[in-house]
Amino acid sequence: MGLRDLVASGVALADNLTADLQPTVQHEAWTGNDGFGGATYATAVPRAALVERKQKQVLNPQGQEVLSEHTITLLRPIAANGAPDRFEPIDPRDRFTLPDGTTGPILSIESFTDRVTGAGYFAQVFLGAGGGAG
């Protein structure tokens, strides 16, 4: 068993052991612009994830420290959306909605990806303060 298999097995084990702790979040993939200054999104996809409400300093894509309000940890692979100009499989313009209705801008995305297959082992999405409950 190589290191790639060991990491994949470890993430699968973590997913299995934490399954009862994973609520369902809604993930809407950004697909483009509507031509009027608004964004368009794919139909929401329910995803099991660990959700932690905790303030944490993270670096945004511009290298600035910003305050995250929630961390979403996805322990299952996410297929690429395929829309042009997207960063796959999670784009910073995507939207996540937590079970209580909380949303927020994606401030940062961290993932561990198999460089051979391009598939992600896991991803963490850091949300800023936004709309909805919470």
N, C-alpha and C. Protein backbone atom coordinates (compact mmCIF):
# COMPACT_ATOMS: atom_id res chain seq x y z
N MET A 1 0.86 -1.17 0.00
CA MET A 1 0.00 0.00 0.00
C MET A 1 0.90 1.23 0.00
N GLY A 2 0.72 2.09 -1.01
CA GLY A 2 1.50 3.30 -1.11
C GLY A 2 0.89 4.42 -0.28
N LEU A 3 1.61 5.54 -0.24
CA LEU A 3 1.16 6.68 0.54
C LEU A 3 -0.19 7.21 0.04
N ARG A 4 -0.39 7.24 -1.29
CA ARG A 4 -1.68 7.71 -1.83
C ARG A 4 -2.83 6.87 -1.30
N ASP A 5 -2.65 5.54 -1.30
CA ASP A 5 -3.69 4.65 -0.79
C ASP A 5 -3.91 4.84 0.71
N LEU A 6 -2.83 5.07 1.43
CA LEU A 6 -2.92 5.27 2.87
C LEU A 6 -3.69 6.54 3.20
N VAL A 7 -3.41 7.63 2.49
CA VAL A 7 -4.14 8.89 2.72
C VAL A 7 -5.61 8.72 2.38
N ALA A 8 -5.90 8.11 1.23
CA ALA A 8 -7.29 7.90 0.82
C ALA A 8 -8.03 7.04 1.85
N SER A 9 -7.39 6.01 2.35
CA SER A 9 -8.01 5.14 3.35
C SER A 9 -8.24 5.88 4.65
N GLY A 10 -7.29 6.72 5.04
CA GLY A 10 -7.43 7.50 6.27
C GLY A 10 -8.58 8.49 6.20
N VAL A 11 -8.74 9.16 5.07
CA VAL A 11 -9.85 10.11 4.90
C VAL A 11 -11.17 9.35 4.87
N ALA A 12 -11.22 8.21 4.19
CA ALA A 12 -12.44 7.40 4.17
C ALA A 12 -12.80 6.93 5.57
N LEU A 13 -11.82 6.55 6.36
CA LEU A 13 -12.07 6.14 7.73
C LEU A 13 -12.61 7.31 8.56
N ALA A 14 -12.00 8.49 8.41
CA ALA A 14 -12.48 9.68 9.12
C ALA A 14 -13.93 10.00 8.72
N ASP A 15 -14.24 9.87 7.44
CA ASP A 15 -15.60 10.11 6.96
C ASP A 15 -16.56 9.13 7.61
N ASN A 16 -16.19 7.87 7.65
CA ASN A 16 -17.05 6.83 8.23
C ASN A 16 -17.25 7.05 9.73
N LEU A 17 -16.18 7.37 10.44
CA LEU A 17 -16.26 7.54 11.89
C LEU A 17 -17.04 8.79 12.30
N THR A 18 -17.06 9.79 11.45
CA THR A 18 -17.75 11.04 11.78
C THR A 18 -19.09 11.20 11.07
N ALA A 19 -19.56 10.16 10.40
CA ALA A 19 -20.79 10.25 9.61
C ALA A 19 -21.96 10.79 10.43
N ASP A 20 -22.10 10.37 11.69
CA ASP A 20 -23.20 10.84 12.53
C ASP A 20 -23.06 12.30 12.92
N LEU A 21 -21.89 12.88 12.74
CA LEU A 21 -21.64 14.28 13.11
C LEU A 21 -21.71 15.21 11.91
N GLN A 22 -21.99 14.66 10.74
CA GLN A 22 -21.98 15.44 9.51
C GLN A 22 -23.39 15.84 9.08
N PRO A 23 -23.75 17.11 9.31
CA PRO A 23 -25.04 17.55 8.77
C PRO A 23 -24.93 17.73 7.26
N THR A 24 -26.05 17.98 6.63
CA THR A 24 -26.08 18.21 5.19
C THR A 24 -26.02 19.71 4.92
N VAL A 25 -25.07 20.12 4.10
CA VAL A 25 -24.99 21.50 3.64
C VAL A 25 -25.39 21.51 2.16
N GLN A 26 -25.84 22.65 1.70
CA GLN A 26 -26.22 22.80 0.29
C GLN A 26 -25.08 23.52 -0.43
N HIS A 27 -24.65 22.97 -1.55
CA HIS A 27 -23.55 23.54 -2.34
C HIS A 27 -24.08 23.92 -3.72
N GLU A 28 -24.03 25.21 -4.01
CA GLU A 28 -24.41 25.71 -5.33
C GLU A 28 -23.15 26.13 -6.07
N ALA A 29 -22.83 25.43 -7.12
CA ALA A 29 -21.63 25.72 -7.90
C ALA A 29 -21.86 26.94 -8.79
N TRP A 30 -20.94 27.89 -8.75
CA TRP A 30 -20.99 29.06 -9.64
C TRP A 30 -20.77 28.57 -11.06
N THR A 31 -21.64 29.03 -11.98
CA THR A 31 -21.52 28.59 -13.37
C THR A 31 -21.23 29.72 -14.35
N GLY A 32 -21.31 30.96 -13.89
CA GLY A 32 -21.02 32.07 -14.79
C GLY A 32 -21.77 33.32 -14.39
N ASN A 33 -21.85 34.24 -15.34
CA ASN A 33 -22.54 35.51 -15.13
C ASN A 33 -23.78 35.56 -16.01
N ASP A 34 -24.80 36.25 -15.52
CA ASP A 34 -26.07 36.30 -16.24
C ASP A 34 -26.14 37.40 -17.30
N GLY A 35 -25.08 38.18 -17.47
CA GLY A 35 -25.06 39.25 -18.45
C GLY A 35 -25.58 40.58 -17.91
N PHE A 36 -26.09 40.56 -16.68
CA PHE A 36 -26.62 41.78 -16.06
C PHE A 36 -25.87 42.10 -14.77
N GLY A 37 -24.69 41.54 -14.59
CA GLY A 37 -23.90 41.79 -13.39
C GLY A 37 -24.14 40.81 -12.26
N GLY A 38 -25.01 39.83 -12.49
CA GLY A 38 -25.28 38.82 -11.47
C GLY A 38 -24.63 37.50 -11.81
N ALA A 39 -24.56 36.64 -10.81
CA ALA A 39 -23.97 35.32 -10.99
C ALA A 39 -25.06 34.29 -11.28
N THR A 40 -24.67 33.22 -11.94
CA THR A 40 -25.57 32.08 -12.13
C THR A 40 -24.97 30.88 -11.42
N TYR A 41 -25.85 30.01 -10.94
CA TYR A 41 -25.44 28.86 -10.14
C TYR A 41 -26.14 27.60 -10.61
N ALA A 42 -25.47 26.48 -10.44
CA ALA A 42 -26.08 25.18 -10.69
C ALA A 42 -27.07 24.89 -9.57
N THR A 43 -27.92 23.92 -9.79
CA THR A 43 -28.86 23.49 -8.76
C THR A 43 -28.08 23.05 -7.53
N ALA A 44 -28.59 23.39 -6.36
CA ALA A 44 -27.92 23.03 -5.11
C ALA A 44 -27.77 21.52 -4.99
N VAL A 45 -26.60 21.12 -4.50
CA VAL A 45 -26.31 19.70 -4.27
C VAL A 45 -26.12 19.51 -2.77
N PRO A 46 -26.86 18.59 -2.16
CA PRO A 46 -26.66 18.33 -0.74
C PRO A 46 -25.35 17.57 -0.53
N ARG A 47 -24.58 18.01 0.45
CA ARG A 47 -23.29 17.36 0.76
C ARG A 47 -23.16 17.17 2.26
N ALA A 48 -22.76 15.99 2.67
CA ALA A 48 -22.46 15.74 4.07
C ALA A 48 -21.12 16.39 4.39
N ALA A 49 -21.06 17.08 5.53
CA ALA A 49 -19.82 17.78 5.88
C ALA A 49 -19.76 18.00 7.37
N LEU A 50 -18.55 18.09 7.87
CA LEU A 50 -18.36 18.56 9.24
C LEU A 50 -18.47 20.07 9.21
N VAL A 51 -19.24 20.65 10.11
CA VAL A 51 -19.41 22.10 10.15
C VAL A 51 -19.02 22.57 11.55
N GLU A 52 -18.08 23.49 11.58
CA GLU A 52 -17.61 24.03 12.85
C GLU A 52 -17.81 25.54 12.86
N ARG A 53 -18.51 26.02 13.87
CA ARG A 53 -18.67 27.46 14.03
C ARG A 53 -17.55 27.91 14.96
N LYS A 54 -16.60 28.60 14.36
CA LYS A 54 -15.42 29.03 15.11
C LYS A 54 -14.75 30.15 14.34
N GLN A 55 -14.47 31.22 15.03
CA GLN A 55 -13.75 32.31 14.37
C GLN A 55 -12.28 31.92 14.23
N LYS A 56 -11.78 32.14 13.02
CA LYS A 56 -10.40 31.76 12.72
C LYS A 56 -9.86 32.70 11.67
N GLN A 57 -8.63 33.15 11.84
CA GLN A 57 -7.97 33.98 10.84
C GLN A 57 -7.49 33.07 9.70
N VAL A 58 -7.86 33.43 8.47
CA VAL A 58 -7.41 32.70 7.28
C VAL A 58 -6.91 33.71 6.26
N LEU A 59 -6.13 33.23 5.32
CA LEU A 59 -5.65 34.10 4.24
C LEU A 59 -6.60 33.98 3.06
N ASN A 60 -7.07 35.11 2.55
CA ASN A 60 -7.90 35.09 1.36
C ASN A 60 -7.00 35.00 0.12
N PRO A 61 -7.57 34.85 -1.08
CA PRO A 61 -6.75 34.71 -2.29
C PRO A 61 -5.81 35.90 -2.54
N GLN A 62 -6.12 37.06 -1.97
CA GLN A 62 -5.26 38.23 -2.14
C GLN A 62 -4.14 38.28 -1.10
N GLY A 63 -4.09 37.27 -0.21
CA GLY A 63 -3.04 37.20 0.80
C GLY A 63 -3.32 38.01 2.05
N GLN A 64 -4.55 38.50 2.20
CA GLN A 64 -4.92 39.27 3.38
C GLN A 64 -5.50 38.35 4.44
N GLU A 65 -5.22 38.65 5.72
CA GLU A 65 -5.83 37.91 6.82
C GLU A 65 -7.26 38.39 7.00
N VAL A 66 -8.20 37.45 7.01
CA VAL A 66 -9.61 37.77 7.20
C VAL A 66 -10.17 36.80 8.24
N LEU A 67 -11.28 37.19 8.85
CA LEU A 67 -11.88 36.39 9.91
C LEU A 67 -12.97 35.47 9.37
N SER A 68 -12.75 34.18 9.50
CA SER A 68 -13.72 33.17 9.11
C SER A 68 -14.66 32.91 10.28
N GLU A 69 -15.93 32.65 9.95
CA GLU A 69 -16.94 32.36 10.99
C GLU A 69 -17.27 30.86 11.07
N HIS A 70 -17.18 30.16 9.95
CA HIS A 70 -17.50 28.72 9.89
C HIS A 70 -16.47 28.00 9.03
N THR A 71 -16.19 26.76 9.42
CA THR A 71 -15.35 25.88 8.62
C THR A 71 -16.19 24.69 8.21
N ILE A 72 -16.22 24.43 6.90
CA ILE A 72 -16.92 23.27 6.35
C ILE A 72 -15.85 22.30 5.87
N THR A 73 -15.85 21.08 6.40
CA THR A 73 -14.89 20.07 5.99
C THR A 73 -15.63 18.98 5.22
N LEU A 74 -15.26 18.83 3.97
CA LEU A 74 -15.87 17.85 3.07
C LEU A 74 -14.91 16.67 2.91
N LEU A 75 -15.36 15.51 3.35
CA LEU A 75 -14.49 14.33 3.35
C LEU A 75 -14.78 13.36 2.21
N ARG A 76 -15.59 13.82 1.25
CA ARG A 76 -15.92 12.99 0.09
C ARG A 76 -15.54 13.75 -1.17
N PRO A 77 -15.15 13.04 -2.21
CA PRO A 77 -14.77 13.72 -3.46
C PRO A 77 -15.94 14.49 -4.05
N ILE A 78 -15.62 15.61 -4.69
CA ILE A 78 -16.61 16.42 -5.37
C ILE A 78 -16.24 16.44 -6.85
N ALA A 79 -17.19 16.09 -7.68
CA ALA A 79 -16.93 16.09 -9.13
C ALA A 79 -16.85 17.52 -9.65
N ALA A 80 -16.04 17.71 -10.66
CA ALA A 80 -15.92 19.02 -11.29
C ALA A 80 -17.25 19.41 -11.92
N ASN A 81 -17.57 20.70 -11.86
CA ASN A 81 -18.81 21.21 -12.45
C ASN A 81 -18.69 21.31 -13.96
N GLY A 82 -17.52 21.76 -14.43
CA GLY A 82 -17.27 21.82 -15.86
C GLY A 82 -17.57 23.16 -16.51
N ALA A 83 -18.11 24.11 -15.75
CA ALA A 83 -18.39 25.43 -16.33
C ALA A 83 -17.07 26.14 -16.63
N PRO A 84 -17.03 26.95 -17.69
CA PRO A 84 -15.80 27.67 -18.03
C PRO A 84 -15.42 28.66 -16.92
N ASP A 85 -14.14 28.90 -16.78
CA ASP A 85 -13.60 29.88 -15.83
C ASP A 85 -13.81 29.51 -14.37
N ARG A 86 -14.09 28.25 -14.07
CA ARG A 86 -14.23 27.81 -12.69
C ARG A 86 -12.92 27.27 -12.17
N PHE A 87 -12.71 27.43 -10.86
CA PHE A 87 -11.67 26.70 -10.17
C PHE A 87 -12.35 25.45 -9.62
N GLU A 88 -11.92 24.29 -10.04
CA GLU A 88 -12.59 23.04 -9.67
C GLU A 88 -11.89 22.35 -8.51
N PRO A 89 -12.61 21.61 -7.71
CA PRO A 89 -14.05 21.36 -7.77
C PRO A 89 -14.87 22.39 -6.99
N ILE A 90 -14.21 23.21 -6.16
CA ILE A 90 -14.91 24.26 -5.43
C ILE A 90 -14.31 25.59 -5.85
N ASP A 91 -15.16 26.48 -6.31
CA ASP A 91 -14.74 27.80 -6.76
C ASP A 91 -15.05 28.81 -5.65
N PRO A 92 -14.22 29.82 -5.46
CA PRO A 92 -14.50 30.83 -4.43
C PRO A 92 -15.82 31.56 -4.63
N ARG A 93 -16.40 31.48 -5.83
CA ARG A 93 -17.68 32.13 -6.09
C ARG A 93 -18.88 31.21 -5.83
N ASP A 94 -18.61 29.96 -5.47
CA ASP A 94 -19.69 29.03 -5.12
C ASP A 94 -20.41 29.53 -3.87
N ARG A 95 -21.57 28.94 -3.60
CA ARG A 95 -22.31 29.26 -2.38
C ARG A 95 -22.56 28.00 -1.58
N PHE A 96 -22.40 28.12 -0.27
CA PHE A 96 -22.75 27.06 0.66
C PHE A 96 -23.80 27.59 1.62
N THR A 97 -24.79 26.77 1.91
CA THR A 97 -25.80 27.12 2.90
C THR A 97 -25.79 26.02 3.97
N LEU A 98 -25.62 26.46 5.22
CA LEU A 98 -25.58 25.53 6.33
C LEU A 98 -27.00 25.10 6.71
N PRO A 99 -27.14 24.04 7.50
CA PRO A 99 -28.47 23.54 7.83
C PRO A 99 -29.39 24.58 8.48
N ASP A 100 -28.83 25.54 9.21
CA ASP A 100 -29.67 26.55 9.86
C ASP A 100 -29.96 27.74 8.95
N GLY A 101 -29.54 27.67 7.69
CA GLY A 101 -29.79 28.75 6.74
C GLY A 101 -28.66 29.75 6.62
N THR A 102 -27.63 29.61 7.44
CA THR A 102 -26.49 30.52 7.39
C THR A 102 -25.75 30.38 6.08
N THR A 103 -25.41 31.51 5.50
CA THR A 103 -24.56 31.56 4.31
C THR A 103 -23.46 32.57 4.58
N GLY A 104 -22.54 32.67 3.70
CA GLY A 104 -21.49 33.67 3.82
C GLY A 104 -20.55 33.53 2.66
N PRO A 105 -19.79 34.55 2.41
CA PRO A 105 -18.83 34.45 1.31
C PRO A 105 -17.74 33.43 1.62
N ILE A 106 -17.29 32.76 0.58
CA ILE A 106 -16.15 31.86 0.75
C ILE A 106 -14.90 32.72 0.83
N LEU A 107 -14.21 32.63 1.96
CA LEU A 107 -13.00 33.43 2.17
C LEU A 107 -11.75 32.69 1.73
N SER A 108 -11.77 31.38 1.91
CA SER A 108 -10.58 30.59 1.61
C SER A 108 -11.00 29.13 1.41
N ILE A 109 -10.25 28.43 0.58
CA ILE A 109 -10.49 27.01 0.34
C ILE A 109 -9.14 26.31 0.47
N GLU A 110 -9.11 25.29 1.28
CA GLU A 110 -7.90 24.47 1.42
C GLU A 110 -8.27 23.05 1.04
N SER A 111 -7.42 22.42 0.27
CA SER A 111 -7.71 21.04 -0.10
C SER A 111 -6.42 20.26 -0.21
N PHE A 112 -6.57 18.97 -0.14
CA PHE A 112 -5.46 18.05 -0.32
C PHE A 112 -5.83 17.19 -1.50
N THR A 113 -5.09 17.34 -2.58
CA THR A 113 -5.45 16.71 -3.85
C THR A 113 -4.38 15.72 -4.29
N ASP A 114 -4.83 14.62 -4.82
CA ASP A 114 -3.94 13.63 -5.41
C ASP A 114 -3.38 14.21 -6.71
N ARG A 115 -2.09 14.45 -6.76
CA ARG A 115 -1.52 15.10 -7.95
C ARG A 115 -1.51 14.19 -9.17
N VAL A 116 -1.66 12.90 -8.97
CA VAL A 116 -1.69 11.97 -10.10
C VAL A 116 -3.08 11.95 -10.73
N THR A 117 -4.12 11.82 -9.91
CA THR A 117 -5.48 11.69 -10.44
C THR A 117 -6.21 13.04 -10.50
N GLY A 118 -5.76 14.00 -9.72
CA GLY A 118 -6.44 15.30 -9.65
C GLY A 118 -7.66 15.27 -8.75
N ALA A 119 -7.99 14.11 -8.19
CA ALA A 119 -9.14 14.00 -7.28
C ALA A 119 -8.74 14.49 -5.90
N GLY A 120 -9.67 15.12 -5.22
CA GLY A 120 -9.40 15.62 -3.88
C GLY A 120 -9.60 14.55 -2.83
N TYR A 121 -8.72 14.55 -1.86
CA TYR A 121 -8.90 13.66 -0.71
C TYR A 121 -9.91 14.29 0.25
N PHE A 122 -9.77 15.60 0.48
CA PHE A 122 -10.72 16.34 1.31
C PHE A 122 -10.56 17.82 1.01
N ALA A 123 -11.54 18.61 1.43
CA ALA A 123 -11.47 20.06 1.25
C ALA A 123 -12.06 20.74 2.47
N GLN A 124 -11.50 21.91 2.79
CA GLN A 124 -12.06 22.76 3.84
C GLN A 124 -12.42 24.09 3.21
N VAL A 125 -13.63 24.55 3.52
CA VAL A 125 -14.12 25.81 3.01
C VAL A 125 -14.36 26.72 4.21
N PHE A 126 -13.77 27.91 4.18
CA PHE A 126 -13.90 28.86 5.28
C PHE A 126 -14.87 29.96 4.84
N LEU A 127 -15.97 30.09 5.60
CA LEU A 127 -16.99 31.09 5.29
C LEU A 127 -16.86 32.31 6.19
N GLY A 128 -17.08 33.46 5.61
CA GLY A 128 -17.13 34.69 6.38
C GLY A 128 -18.53 34.96 6.86
N ALA A 129 -18.69 36.03 7.60
CA ALA A 129 -20.02 36.42 8.09
C ALA A 129 -20.88 36.77 6.89
N GLY A 130 -22.09 36.34 6.94
CA GLY A 130 -22.97 36.60 5.81
C GLY A 130 -24.40 36.68 6.24
N GLY A 131 -25.27 36.23 5.36
CA GLY A 131 -26.70 36.30 5.63
C GLY A 131 -27.25 35.05 6.25
N GLY A 132 -28.52 35.08 6.51
CA GLY A 132 -29.21 33.92 7.07
C GLY A 132 -29.08 33.85 8.56
N ALA A 133 -29.49 32.74 9.11
CA ALA A 133 -29.42 32.53 10.56
C ALA A 133 -27.97 32.36 10.96
N GLY A 134 -27.72 32.25 12.23
CA GLY A 134 -26.37 31.95 12.65
C GLY A 134 -25.89 32.94 13.59
